[in-house]
Amino acid sequence: MEIEDEILFHFKMKSILELTLPKDIAIGPFYVNVRPLRDFLIQKRQNCYTQLLIMFTDSLRTKINVVLFDYQQIRTRLRTTSRNIEHLFEEQDWIETVPLKVKKLDEIVQKLKFQYDILDHFWWNLSDGDFEAKWQAIGFPQQVQLYVRFALYKHINIQGVSITIIKYLYIYQVYRGKSVQPKLYDIKKAIIIKIYNKNYILYIIKIFIQICLEDFKINFIFLLMKL
């Protein structure tokens, strides 16, 4: 890489100056002090490769922050609760594209890891923020994979609960006749068309319990009348 070659060039030139330039020179009966010139030239080379390392670190920080932003966007969307059935199926289709997105991001991170190795080669200390960002980007694929599993489990669980409730209500409708038809229709409509989240599932269960209680009250009244 050009940046690595440039840094290495200044690093070698600094080493050469340290080895070749004497601290003083004897000219006849005189000693000429060349330490200030020697230190100036050595410091100049050191400043050159230090600034190059700083620029390289800033460049890596910008690239890794872009990757982290994309990862955070994926994580945030995976944690989003589905608003309705259309949104649920849209999210399921999007989740199928996540592995490919993560693969592309991980390929970028792997390339950036080789560039971070250049900093390690020159014993360059990263700041706490840069160090954390580097390893966060490396570990994000595993984290996203866990969120994908959780999102899929959540979607399957919501669908399973809704379908189970509809089945029980359908069996109840067949058993009790058409008296629960309006409420059953509203429940199906709520599940299929309207809100599709945990709170509404609890609302559906509440309606189902109310229907059962109403049926119990009617049967109890008939029992009292017979007595």
C-alpha atoms as a PDB file:
ATOM      1  CA  MET A   1       0.000   0.000   0.000  1.00  0.00           C
ATOM      2  CA  GLU A   2       1.178   3.554  -0.737  1.00  0.00           C
ATOM      3  CA  ILE A   3       0.515   4.834   2.753  1.00  0.00           C
ATOM      4  CA  GLU A   4       2.423   1.938   4.303  1.00  0.00           C
ATOM      5  CA  ASP A   5       5.370   2.488   1.943  1.00  0.00           C
ATOM      6  CA  GLU A   6       5.404   6.203   2.710  1.00  0.00           C
ATOM      7  CA  ILE A   7       5.362   5.664   6.468  1.00  0.00           C
ATOM      8  CA  LEU A   8       8.031   2.971   6.178  1.00  0.00           C
ATOM      9  CA  PHE A   9      10.223   5.293   4.099  1.00  0.00           C
ATOM     10  CA  HIS A  10      10.234   8.054   6.737  1.00  0.00           C
ATOM     11  CA  PHE A  11      10.693   5.509   9.512  1.00  0.00           C
ATOM     12  CA  LYS A  12      13.788   4.063   7.781  1.00  0.00           C
ATOM     13  CA  MET A  13      15.184   7.527   7.040  1.00  0.00           C
ATOM     14  CA  LYS A  14      14.872   8.402  10.729  1.00  0.00           C
ATOM     15  CA  SER A  15      16.773   5.242  11.653  1.00  0.00           C
ATOM     16  CA  ILE A  16      19.479   5.982   9.077  1.00  0.00           C
ATOM     17  CA  LEU A  17      19.938   9.509  10.425  1.00  0.00           C
ATOM     18  CA  GLU A  18      20.252   8.202  13.970  1.00  0.00           C
ATOM     19  CA  LEU A  19      22.946   5.736  12.897  1.00  0.00           C
ATOM     20  CA  THR A  20      24.955   7.863  10.467  1.00  0.00           C
ATOM     21  CA  LEU A  21      24.900  11.398  11.831  1.00  0.00           C
ATOM     22  CA  PRO A  22      27.421  11.951  14.637  1.00  0.00           C
ATOM     23  CA  LYS A  23      26.760  14.213  17.576  1.00  0.00           C
ATOM     24  CA  ASP A  24      29.928  16.212  16.903  1.00  0.00           C
ATOM     25  CA  ILE A  25      32.638  16.406  14.255  1.00  0.00           C
ATOM     26  CA  ALA A  26      36.380  16.911  14.817  1.00  0.00           C
ATOM     27  CA  ILE A  27      37.937  19.363  12.376  1.00  0.00           C
ATOM     28  CA  GLY A  28      41.623  19.727  13.227  1.00  0.00           C
ATOM     29  CA  PRO A  29      41.847  21.069  16.747  1.00  0.00           C
ATOM     30  CA  PHE A  30      38.138  21.994  16.774  1.00  0.00           C
ATOM     31  CA  TYR A  31      35.011  20.018  17.706  1.00  0.00           C
ATOM     32  CA  VAL A  32      31.901  21.070  15.839  1.00  0.00           C
ATOM     33  CA  ASN A  33      28.644  20.346  17.668  1.00  0.00           C
ATOM     34  CA  VAL A  34      26.156  18.960  15.129  1.00  0.00           C
ATOM     35  CA  ARG A  35      23.690  17.648  17.717  1.00  0.00           C
ATOM     36  CA  PRO A  36      21.085  20.416  17.056  1.00  0.00           C
ATOM     37  CA  LEU A  37      21.132  19.705  13.305  1.00  0.00           C
ATOM     38  CA  ARG A  38      21.037  15.961  13.914  1.00  0.00           C
ATOM     39  CA  ASP A  39      18.095  16.245  16.297  1.00  0.00           C
ATOM     40  CA  PHE A  40      16.262  18.592  13.910  1.00  0.00           C
ATOM     41  CA  LEU A  41      16.562  16.208  10.956  1.00  0.00           C
ATOM     42  CA  ILE A  42      15.570  13.180  13.049  1.00  0.00           C
ATOM     43  CA  GLN A  43      12.578  15.025  14.531  1.00  0.00           C
ATOM     44  CA  LYS A  44      11.512  16.131  11.058  1.00  0.00           C
ATOM     45  CA  ARG A  45      11.370  12.521   9.844  1.00  0.00           C
ATOM     46  CA  GLN A  46       9.569  11.458  13.001  1.00  0.00           C
ATOM     47  CA  ASN A  47       6.983  14.215  12.552  1.00  0.00           C
ATOM     48  CA  CYS A  48       6.442  13.130   8.949  1.00  0.00           C
ATOM     49  CA  TYR A  49       5.581   9.520   9.730  1.00  0.00           C
ATOM     50  CA  THR A  50       3.630  10.515  12.860  1.00  0.00           C
ATOM     51  CA  GLN A  51       1.394  12.816  10.827  1.00  0.00           C
ATOM     52  CA  LEU A  52       0.963  10.110   8.221  1.00  0.00           C
ATOM     53  CA  LEU A  53      -0.134   7.681  10.944  1.00  0.00           C
ATOM     54  CA  ILE A  54      -2.583  10.260  12.302  1.00  0.00           C
ATOM     55  CA  MET A  55      -4.049  10.832   8.833  1.00  0.00           C
ATOM     56  CA  PHE A  56      -4.274   7.094   8.266  1.00  0.00           C
ATOM     57  CA  THR A  57      -6.018   6.608  11.613  1.00  0.00           C
ATOM     58  CA  ASP A  58      -8.531   9.367  10.787  1.00  0.00           C
ATOM     59  CA  SER A  59      -9.227   7.715   7.437  1.00  0.00           C
ATOM     60  CA  LEU A  60      -9.820   4.339   9.095  1.00  0.00           C
ATOM     61  CA  ARG A  61     -12.066   5.974  11.699  1.00  0.00           C
ATOM     62  CA  THR A  62     -14.256   7.467   8.982  1.00  0.00           C
ATOM     63  CA  LYS A  63     -14.549   4.151   7.142  1.00  0.00           C
ATOM     64  CA  ILE A  64     -15.279   2.121  10.268  1.00  0.00           C
ATOM     65  CA  ASN A  65     -17.918   4.629  11.403  1.00  0.00           C
ATOM     66  CA  VAL A  66     -19.742   4.221   8.102  1.00  0.00           C
ATOM     67  CA  VAL A  67     -19.775   0.439   8.590  1.00  0.00           C
ATOM     68  CA  LEU A  68     -20.970   0.806  12.184  1.00  0.00           C
ATOM     69  CA  PHE A  69     -23.771   3.141  11.077  1.00  0.00           C
ATOM     70  CA  ASP A  70     -24.986   0.568   8.542  1.00  0.00           C
ATOM     71  CA  TYR A  71     -24.826  -2.173  11.173  1.00  0.00           C
ATOM     72  CA  GLN A  72     -26.758  -0.032  13.645  1.00  0.00           C
ATOM     73  CA  GLN A  73     -29.427   0.650  11.019  1.00  0.00           C
ATOM     74  CA  ILE A  74     -29.853  -3.094  10.517  1.00  0.00           C
ATOM     75  CA  ARG A  75     -29.973  -3.748  14.267  1.00  0.00           C
ATOM     76  CA  THR A  76     -32.531  -0.995  14.839  1.00  0.00           C
ATOM     77  CA  ARG A  77     -34.812  -2.316  12.111  1.00  0.00           C
ATOM     78  CA  LEU A  78     -34.563  -5.869  13.436  1.00  0.00           C
ATOM     79  CA  ARG A  79     -35.711  -4.633  16.842  1.00  0.00           C
ATOM     80  CA  THR A  80     -38.708  -2.757  15.402  1.00  0.00           C
ATOM     81  CA  THR A  81     -42.169  -4.106  16.258  1.00  0.00           C
ATOM     82  CA  SER A  82     -44.404  -4.812  13.279  1.00  0.00           C
ATOM     83  CA  ARG A  83     -47.231  -2.285  12.936  1.00  0.00           C
ATOM     84  CA  ASN A  84     -49.554  -4.399  10.811  1.00  0.00           C
ATOM     85  CA  ILE A  85     -49.656  -7.548   8.701  1.00  0.00           C
ATOM     86  CA  GLU A  86     -48.299  -5.772   5.621  1.00  0.00           C
ATOM     87  CA  HIS A  87     -45.391  -4.433   7.628  1.00  0.00           C
ATOM     88  CA  LEU A  88     -44.792  -7.875   9.117  1.00  0.00           C
ATOM     89  CA  PHE A  89     -44.473  -9.569   5.717  1.00  0.00           C
ATOM     90  CA  GLU A  90     -42.373  -6.666   4.453  1.00  0.00           C
ATOM     91  CA  GLU A  91     -39.980  -7.126   7.365  1.00  0.00           C
ATOM     92  CA  GLN A  92     -39.806 -10.882   6.770  1.00  0.00           C
ATOM     93  CA  ASP A  93     -38.833 -10.271   3.137  1.00  0.00           C
ATOM     94  CA  TRP A  94     -36.254  -7.709   4.236  1.00  0.00           C
ATOM     95  CA  ILE A  95     -34.773 -10.099   6.823  1.00  0.00           C
ATOM     96  CA  GLU A  96     -33.974 -12.521   3.996  1.00  0.00           C
ATOM     97  CA  THR A  97     -31.667  -9.855   2.510  1.00  0.00           C
ATOM     98  CA  VAL A  98     -29.839  -9.200   5.802  1.00  0.00           C
ATOM     99  CA  PRO A  99     -27.229 -12.017   5.433  1.00  0.00           C
ATOM    100  CA  LEU A 100     -26.085 -10.578   2.104  1.00  0.00           C
ATOM    101  CA  LYS A 101     -25.883  -7.053   3.559  1.00  0.00           C
ATOM    102  CA  VAL A 102     -23.916  -8.337   6.543  1.00  0.00           C
ATOM    103  CA  LYS A 103     -21.585 -10.301   4.256  1.00  0.00           C
ATOM    104  CA  LYS A 104     -20.723  -7.171   2.260  1.00  0.00           C
ATOM    105  CA  LEU A 105     -20.142  -5.147   5.415  1.00  0.00           C
ATOM    106  CA  ASP A 106     -17.994  -7.905   6.891  1.00  0.00           C
ATOM    107  CA  GLU A 107     -15.858  -7.979   3.753  1.00  0.00           C
ATOM    108  CA  ILE A 108     -15.210  -4.257   4.217  1.00  0.00           C
ATOM    109  CA  VAL A 109     -14.301  -4.836   7.861  1.00  0.00           C
ATOM    110  CA  GLN A 110     -11.874  -7.623   6.944  1.00  0.00           C
ATOM    111  CA  LYS A 111     -10.094  -5.251   4.541  1.00  0.00           C
ATOM    112  CA  LEU A 112      -9.961  -2.597   7.234  1.00  0.00           C
ATOM    113  CA  LYS A 113      -8.434  -5.137   9.636  1.00  0.00           C
ATOM    114  CA  PHE A 114      -5.420  -5.457   7.329  1.00  0.00           C
ATOM    115  CA  GLN A 115      -5.065  -1.682   7.395  1.00  0.00           C
ATOM    116  CA  TYR A 116      -5.251  -1.684  11.181  1.00  0.00           C
ATOM    117  CA  ASP A 117      -2.395  -4.201  11.100  1.00  0.00           C
ATOM    118  CA  ILE A 118      -0.259  -1.475   9.550  1.00  0.00           C
ATOM    119  CA  LEU A 119      -0.785   0.622  12.655  1.00  0.00           C
ATOM    120  CA  ASP A 120       0.151  -2.354  14.813  1.00  0.00           C
ATOM    121  CA  HIS A 121       3.302  -2.845  12.760  1.00  0.00           C
ATOM    122  CA  PHE A 122       4.455   0.665  13.677  1.00  0.00           C
ATOM    123  CA  TRP A 123       3.390   0.256  17.322  1.00  0.00           C
ATOM    124  CA  TRP A 124       0.751   2.943  16.936  1.00  0.00           C
ATOM    125  CA  ASN A 125      -1.603   3.173  19.907  1.00  0.00           C
ATOM    126  CA  LEU A 126      -5.280   3.612  19.029  1.00  0.00           C
ATOM    127  CA  SER A 127      -7.490   5.801  21.169  1.00  0.00           C
ATOM    128  CA  ASP A 128     -10.102   4.081  23.327  1.00  0.00           C
ATOM    129  CA  GLY A 129     -12.841   5.144  20.908  1.00  0.00           C
ATOM    130  CA  ASP A 130     -10.997   3.835  17.844  1.00  0.00           C
ATOM    131  CA  PHE A 131     -10.130   0.575  19.593  1.00  0.00           C
ATOM    132  CA  GLU A 132     -13.761   0.050  20.650  1.00  0.00           C
ATOM    133  CA  ALA A 133     -15.090   0.895  17.183  1.00  0.00           C
ATOM    134  CA  LYS A 134     -12.685  -1.571  15.555  1.00  0.00           C
ATOM    135  CA  TRP A 135     -13.725  -4.535  17.684  1.00  0.00           C
ATOM    136  CA  GLN A 136     -17.364  -3.543  17.666  1.00  0.00           C
ATOM    137  CA  ALA A 137     -17.351  -3.711  13.869  1.00  0.00           C
ATOM    138  CA  ILE A 138     -15.593  -7.081  13.981  1.00  0.00           C
ATOM    139  CA  GLY A 139     -18.167  -8.498  16.400  1.00  0.00           C
ATOM    140  CA  PHE A 140     -21.281  -6.980  14.816  1.00  0.00           C
ATOM    141  CA  PRO A 141     -22.013  -9.876  12.368  1.00  0.00           C
ATOM    142  CA  GLN A 142     -22.506 -12.261  15.280  1.00  0.00           C
ATOM    143  CA  GLN A 143     -24.685  -9.725  17.053  1.00  0.00           C
ATOM    144  CA  VAL A 144     -26.837  -9.160  13.959  1.00  0.00           C
ATOM    145  CA  GLN A 145     -27.212 -12.916  13.536  1.00  0.00           C
ATOM    146  CA  LEU A 146     -28.651 -13.144  17.059  1.00  0.00           C
ATOM    147  CA  TYR A 147     -31.069 -10.291  16.341  1.00  0.00           C
ATOM    148  CA  VAL A 148     -32.178 -12.008  13.120  1.00  0.00           C
ATOM    149  CA  ARG A 149     -32.949 -15.205  15.019  1.00  0.00           C
ATOM    150  CA  PHE A 150     -34.865 -13.263  17.642  1.00  0.00           C
ATOM    151  CA  ALA A 151     -36.863 -11.338  15.011  1.00  0.00           C
ATOM    152  CA  LEU A 152     -37.783 -14.527  13.123  1.00  0.00           C
ATOM    153  CA  TYR A 153     -38.797 -16.237  16.359  1.00  0.00           C
ATOM    154  CA  LYS A 154     -40.912 -13.213  17.306  1.00  0.00           C
ATOM    155  CA  HIS A 155     -42.687 -13.186  13.936  1.00  0.00           C
ATOM    156  CA  ILE A 156     -43.348 -16.919  14.018  1.00  0.00           C
ATOM    157  CA  ASN A 157     -44.573 -16.688  17.614  1.00  0.00           C
ATOM    158  CA  ILE A 158     -46.997 -13.850  16.840  1.00  0.00           C
ATOM    159  CA  GLN A 159     -48.360 -15.682  13.799  1.00  0.00           C
ATOM    160  CA  GLY A 160     -48.713 -18.910  15.768  1.00  0.00           C
ATOM    161  CA  VAL A 161     -50.589 -17.236  18.627  1.00  0.00           C
ATOM    162  CA  SER A 162     -52.951 -15.430  16.241  1.00  0.00           C
ATOM    163  CA  ILE A 163     -53.708 -18.549  14.210  1.00  0.00           C
ATOM    164  CA  THR A 164     -54.306 -20.554  17.397  1.00  0.00           C
ATOM    165  CA  ILE A 165     -56.774 -17.958  18.698  1.00  0.00           C
ATOM    166  CA  ILE A 166     -58.634 -17.900  15.371  1.00  0.00           C
ATOM    167  CA  LYS A 167     -58.867 -21.694  15.399  1.00  0.00           C
ATOM    168  CA  TYR A 168     -60.282 -21.773  18.913  1.00  0.00           C
ATOM    169  CA  LEU A 169     -62.764 -19.034  18.104  1.00  0.00           C
ATOM    170  CA  TYR A 170     -63.829 -20.864  14.965  1.00  0.00           C
ATOM    171  CA  ILE A 171     -64.409 -24.056  16.957  1.00  0.00           C
ATOM    172  CA  TYR A 172     -66.347 -22.059  19.512  1.00  0.00           C
ATOM    173  CA  GLN A 173     -68.447 -20.468  16.778  1.00  0.00           C
ATOM    174  CA  VAL A 174     -69.324 -23.858  15.334  1.00  0.00           C
ATOM    175  CA  TYR A 175     -70.175 -25.190  18.783  1.00  0.00           C
ATOM    176  CA  ARG A 176     -72.306 -22.209  19.923  1.00  0.00           C
ATOM    177  CA  GLY A 177     -73.877 -21.168  16.645  1.00  0.00           C
ATOM    178  CA  LYS A 178     -73.882 -17.734  14.994  1.00  0.00           C
ATOM    179  CA  SER A 179     -74.169 -15.624  18.142  1.00  0.00           C
ATOM    180  CA  VAL A 180     -70.434 -14.838  18.179  1.00  0.00           C
ATOM    181  CA  GLN A 181     -70.130 -14.197  14.431  1.00  0.00           C
ATOM    182  CA  PRO A 182     -69.815 -10.368  14.670  1.00  0.00           C
ATOM    183  CA  LYS A 183     -67.109 -10.530  17.324  1.00  0.00           C
ATOM    184  CA  LEU A 184     -65.295 -13.323  15.537  1.00  0.00           C
ATOM    185  CA  TYR A 185     -65.296 -11.283  12.337  1.00  0.00           C
ATOM    186  CA  ASP A 186     -63.920  -8.248  14.186  1.00  0.00           C
ATOM    187  CA  ILE A 187     -61.165 -10.370  15.722  1.00  0.00           C
ATOM    188  CA  LYS A 188     -60.122 -11.837  12.355  1.00  0.00           C
ATOM    189  CA  LYS A 189     -60.142  -8.373  10.841  1.00  0.00           C
ATOM    190  CA  ALA A 190     -58.046  -7.036  13.699  1.00  0.00           C
ATOM    191  CA  ILE A 191     -55.470  -9.810  13.259  1.00  0.00           C
ATOM    192  CA  ILE A 192     -55.289  -9.747   9.472  1.00  0.00           C
ATOM    193  CA  ILE A 193     -55.738  -6.059   8.680  1.00  0.00           C
ATOM    194  CA  LYS A 194     -55.107  -3.883  11.723  1.00  0.00           C
ATOM    195  CA  ILE A 195     -52.468  -3.776  14.422  1.00  0.00           C
ATOM    196  CA  TYR A 196     -50.274  -6.867  14.626  1.00  0.00           C
ATOM    197  CA  ASN A 197     -48.339  -6.653  17.836  1.00  0.00           C
ATOM    198  CA  LYS A 198     -48.179  -7.981  21.357  1.00  0.00           C
ATOM    199  CA  ASN A 199     -50.693  -5.487  22.813  1.00  0.00           C
ATOM    200  CA  TYR A 200     -53.337  -6.357  20.262  1.00  0.00           C
ATOM    201  CA  ILE A 201     -52.821 -10.085  20.776  1.00  0.00           C
ATOM    202  CA  LEU A 202     -53.572  -9.480  24.453  1.00  0.00           C
ATOM    203  CA  TYR A 203     -56.680  -7.560  23.397  1.00  0.00           C
ATOM    204  CA  ILE A 204     -57.797 -10.503  21.273  1.00  0.00           C
ATOM    205  CA  ILE A 205     -57.328 -12.879  24.199  1.00  0.00           C
ATOM    206  CA  LYS A 206     -59.392 -10.504  26.349  1.00  0.00           C
ATOM    207  CA  ILE A 207     -62.259 -10.607  23.836  1.00  0.00           C
ATOM    208  CA  PHE A 208     -62.090 -14.390  23.754  1.00  0.00           C
ATOM    209  CA  ILE A 209     -62.349 -14.525  27.549  1.00  0.00           C
ATOM    210  CA  GLN A 210     -65.302 -12.125  27.471  1.00  0.00           C
ATOM    211  CA  ILE A 211     -67.105 -14.359  24.991  1.00  0.00           C
ATOM    212  CA  CYS A 212     -66.543 -17.385  27.210  1.00  0.00           C
ATOM    213  CA  LEU A 213     -67.782 -15.467  30.280  1.00  0.00           C
ATOM    214  CA  GLU A 214     -70.897 -14.324  28.443  1.00  0.00           C
ATOM    215  CA  ASP A 215     -71.635 -17.912  27.461  1.00  0.00           C
ATOM    216  CA  PHE A 216     -71.118 -19.007  31.063  1.00  0.00           C
ATOM    217  CA  LYS A 217     -73.559 -16.337  32.279  1.00  0.00           C
ATOM    218  CA  ILE A 218     -76.231 -17.450  29.798  1.00  0.00           C
ATOM    219  CA  ASN A 219     -75.877 -21.102  30.766  1.00  0.00           C
ATOM    220  CA  PHE A 220     -75.954 -20.146  34.464  1.00  0.00           C
ATOM    221  CA  ILE A 221     -79.192 -18.157  33.992  1.00  0.00           C
ATOM    222  CA  PHE A 222     -80.811 -21.091  32.170  1.00  0.00           C
ATOM    223  CA  LEU A 223     -79.740 -23.345  35.012  1.00  0.00           C
ATOM    224  CA  LEU A 224     -81.379 -21.038  37.596  1.00  0.00           C
ATOM    225  CA  MET A 225     -84.578 -20.884  35.526  1.00  0.00           C
ATOM    226  CA  LYS A 226     -84.773 -24.657  35.473  1.00  0.00           C
ATOM    227  CA  LEU A 227     -84.452 -24.708  39.245  1.00  0.00           C
END
